[in-house]
Amino acid sequence: MTNGRNPHLGGTLDELLEEDGALADAHAIAVKRVLAWQVGQTMTDLRITKSEMARRMGTSRSALARLLDPENPSVTLLTLDRAATVLGKRLTVDFADRKTA
């Protein structure tokens, strides 16, 4: 063994995804799943229907459906900010340092 690592084990999942060029896509989907869940859960907690949410956001139900679709990472910051405002929340976005192994 070198450096305390088992020589029979490969790298991390992140390393594999980065090698394949899929890490950014996987990360975007993971973030979108969390955001979609948070919006949906808050809508449920506040008893806001999809039609009412779309109306309050000033958007279509299909745009709201894209926001709530955990597999669709194509959502604008403006849409996220409108959703946050309707739900009494504040959207924050930041750049964080990568963790090193």
C-alpha atoms as a PDB file:
ATOM      1  CA  MET A   1       0.000   0.000   0.000  1.00  0.00           C
ATOM      2  CA  THR A   2       1.164   3.469  -0.785  1.00  0.00           C
ATOM      3  CA  ASN A   3       0.007   6.605   0.973  1.00  0.00           C
ATOM      4  CA  GLY A   4      -2.357   4.547   3.140  1.00  0.00           C
ATOM      5  CA  ARG A   5      -4.618   3.732   0.174  1.00  0.00           C
ATOM      6  CA  ASN A   6      -5.669   0.278  -0.873  1.00  0.00           C
ATOM      7  CA  PRO A   7      -3.947  -0.437  -4.232  1.00  0.00           C
ATOM      8  CA  HIS A   8      -6.973  -2.513  -5.307  1.00  0.00           C
ATOM      9  CA  LEU A   9      -9.349   0.428  -5.130  1.00  0.00           C
ATOM     10  CA  GLY A  10      -9.739   2.946  -7.918  1.00  0.00           C
ATOM     11  CA  GLY A  11     -10.339   6.657  -7.709  1.00  0.00           C
ATOM     12  CA  THR A  12     -13.411   8.506  -6.521  1.00  0.00           C
ATOM     13  CA  LEU A  13     -16.647   8.829  -8.442  1.00  0.00           C
ATOM     14  CA  ASP A  14     -15.896  12.519  -8.950  1.00  0.00           C
ATOM     15  CA  GLU A  15     -12.532  11.605 -10.519  1.00  0.00           C
ATOM     16  CA  LEU A  16     -14.215   9.131 -12.868  1.00  0.00           C
ATOM     17  CA  LEU A  17     -16.897  11.624 -13.886  1.00  0.00           C
ATOM     18  CA  GLU A  18     -14.269  14.314 -14.418  1.00  0.00           C
ATOM     19  CA  GLU A  19     -12.244  11.980 -16.646  1.00  0.00           C
ATOM     20  CA  ASP A  20     -15.381  11.271 -18.689  1.00  0.00           C
ATOM     21  CA  GLY A  21     -16.230  14.975 -18.871  1.00  0.00           C
ATOM     22  CA  ALA A  22     -19.527  14.371 -17.080  1.00  0.00           C
ATOM     23  CA  LEU A  23     -18.807  15.913 -13.683  1.00  0.00           C
ATOM     24  CA  ALA A  24     -20.310  19.321 -14.467  1.00  0.00           C
ATOM     25  CA  ASP A  25     -23.491  17.743 -15.834  1.00  0.00           C
ATOM     26  CA  ALA A  26     -23.814  15.427 -12.833  1.00  0.00           C
ATOM     27  CA  HIS A  27     -23.327  18.334 -10.456  1.00  0.00           C
ATOM     28  CA  ALA A  28     -25.914  20.471 -12.285  1.00  0.00           C
ATOM     29  CA  ILE A  29     -28.494  17.666 -12.084  1.00  0.00           C
ATOM     30  CA  ALA A  30     -27.766  17.146  -8.384  1.00  0.00           C
ATOM     31  CA  VAL A  31     -28.229  20.850  -7.633  1.00  0.00           C
ATOM     32  CA  LYS A  32     -31.398  20.991  -9.738  1.00  0.00           C
ATOM     33  CA  ARG A  33     -32.879  17.978  -7.915  1.00  0.00           C
ATOM     34  CA  VAL A  34     -32.397  19.754  -4.589  1.00  0.00           C
ATOM     35  CA  LEU A  35     -33.860  23.022  -5.873  1.00  0.00           C
ATOM     36  CA  ALA A  36     -36.860  21.305  -7.490  1.00  0.00           C
ATOM     37  CA  TRP A  37     -37.522  19.400  -4.263  1.00  0.00           C
ATOM     38  CA  GLN A  38     -37.257  22.579  -2.161  1.00  0.00           C
ATOM     39  CA  VAL A  39     -39.653  24.514  -4.405  1.00  0.00           C
ATOM     40  CA  GLY A  40     -42.143  21.639  -4.545  1.00  0.00           C
ATOM     41  CA  GLN A  41     -41.985  21.021  -0.807  1.00  0.00           C
ATOM     42  CA  THR A  42     -42.459  24.706   0.019  1.00  0.00           C
ATOM     43  CA  MET A  43     -45.392  24.909  -2.389  1.00  0.00           C
ATOM     44  CA  THR A  44     -46.947  21.930  -0.587  1.00  0.00           C
ATOM     45  CA  ASP A  45     -46.277  23.438   2.835  1.00  0.00           C
ATOM     46  CA  LEU A  46     -47.875  26.737   1.763  1.00  0.00           C
ATOM     47  CA  ARG A  47     -50.692  24.941  -0.093  1.00  0.00           C
ATOM     48  CA  ILE A  48     -49.911  26.729  -3.357  1.00  0.00           C
ATOM     49  CA  THR A  49     -51.106  24.918  -6.479  1.00  0.00           C
ATOM     50  CA  LYS A  50     -49.049  24.784  -9.658  1.00  0.00           C
ATOM     51  CA  SER A  51     -51.523  27.047 -11.430  1.00  0.00           C
ATOM     52  CA  GLU A  52     -51.394  29.597  -8.610  1.00  0.00           C
ATOM     53  CA  MET A  53     -47.606  29.418  -8.407  1.00  0.00           C
ATOM     54  CA  ALA A  54     -47.261  30.046 -12.141  1.00  0.00           C
ATOM     55  CA  ARG A  55     -49.707  32.943 -11.939  1.00  0.00           C
ATOM     56  CA  ARG A  56     -47.840  34.542  -9.026  1.00  0.00           C
ATOM     57  CA  MET A  57     -44.534  34.099 -10.830  1.00  0.00           C
ATOM     58  CA  GLY A  58     -45.943  35.648 -13.982  1.00  0.00           C
ATOM     59  CA  THR A  59     -45.025  32.609 -16.026  1.00  0.00           C
ATOM     60  CA  SER A  60     -46.624  29.622 -17.721  1.00  0.00           C
ATOM     61  CA  ARG A  61     -47.400  26.261 -16.152  1.00  0.00           C
ATOM     62  CA  SER A  62     -44.958  24.682 -18.610  1.00  0.00           C
ATOM     63  CA  ALA A  63     -42.149  26.960 -17.355  1.00  0.00           C
ATOM     64  CA  LEU A  64     -43.054  25.991 -13.794  1.00  0.00           C
ATOM     65  CA  ALA A  65     -43.066  22.323 -14.815  1.00  0.00           C
ATOM     66  CA  ARG A  66     -39.478  22.730 -16.083  1.00  0.00           C
ATOM     67  CA  LEU A  67     -38.528  24.290 -12.756  1.00  0.00           C
ATOM     68  CA  LEU A  68     -40.085  21.392 -10.844  1.00  0.00           C
ATOM     69  CA  ASP A  69     -38.568  18.718 -13.135  1.00  0.00           C
ATOM     70  CA  PRO A  70     -35.554  17.401 -11.193  1.00  0.00           C
ATOM     71  CA  GLU A  71     -33.954  15.996 -14.360  1.00  0.00           C
ATOM     72  CA  ASN A  72     -34.100  19.259 -16.351  1.00  0.00           C
ATOM     73  CA  PRO A  73     -31.173  21.525 -15.406  1.00  0.00           C
ATOM     74  CA  SER A  74     -32.275  24.262 -17.850  1.00  0.00           C
ATOM     75  CA  VAL A  75     -33.686  26.888 -15.544  1.00  0.00           C
ATOM     76  CA  THR A  76     -32.763  30.550 -15.411  1.00  0.00           C
ATOM     77  CA  LEU A  77     -31.687  32.482 -12.359  1.00  0.00           C
ATOM     78  CA  LEU A  78     -34.591  34.842 -13.021  1.00  0.00           C
ATOM     79  CA  THR A  79     -37.068  31.946 -12.795  1.00  0.00           C
ATOM     80  CA  LEU A  80     -35.444  30.694  -9.590  1.00  0.00           C
ATOM     81  CA  ASP A  81     -35.518  34.196  -8.116  1.00  0.00           C
ATOM     82  CA  ARG A  82     -39.207  34.645  -8.997  1.00  0.00           C
ATOM     83  CA  ALA A  83     -40.036  31.298  -7.392  1.00  0.00           C
ATOM     84  CA  ALA A  84     -38.090  32.208  -4.257  1.00  0.00           C
ATOM     85  CA  THR A  85     -39.883  35.545  -3.993  1.00  0.00           C
ATOM     86  CA  VAL A  86     -43.335  33.947  -4.365  1.00  0.00           C
ATOM     87  CA  LEU A  87     -42.423  31.407  -1.682  1.00  0.00           C
ATOM     88  CA  GLY A  88     -41.176  34.090   0.725  1.00  0.00           C
ATOM     89  CA  LYS A  89     -37.569  33.007   0.260  1.00  0.00           C
ATOM     90  CA  ARG A  90     -34.391  34.617  -1.027  1.00  0.00           C
ATOM     91  CA  LEU A  91     -32.230  32.999  -3.706  1.00  0.00           C
ATOM     92  CA  THR A  92     -28.511  32.947  -2.999  1.00  0.00           C
ATOM     93  CA  VAL A  93     -25.808  31.753  -5.381  1.00  0.00           C
ATOM     94  CA  ASP A  94     -22.089  31.614  -4.692  1.00  0.00           C
ATOM     95  CA  PHE A  95     -18.865  30.085  -5.859  1.00  0.00           C
ATOM     96  CA  ALA A  96     -17.326  27.714  -3.349  1.00  0.00           C
ATOM     97  CA  ASP A  97     -13.815  26.344  -3.307  1.00  0.00           C
ATOM     98  CA  ARG A  98     -13.470  22.752  -4.424  1.00  0.00           C
ATOM     99  CA  LYS A  99     -12.763  20.321  -1.654  1.00  0.00           C
ATOM    100  CA  THR A 100      -9.471  18.524  -1.963  1.00  0.00           C
ATOM    101  CA  ALA A 101      -9.203  14.844  -1.132  1.00  0.00           C
END
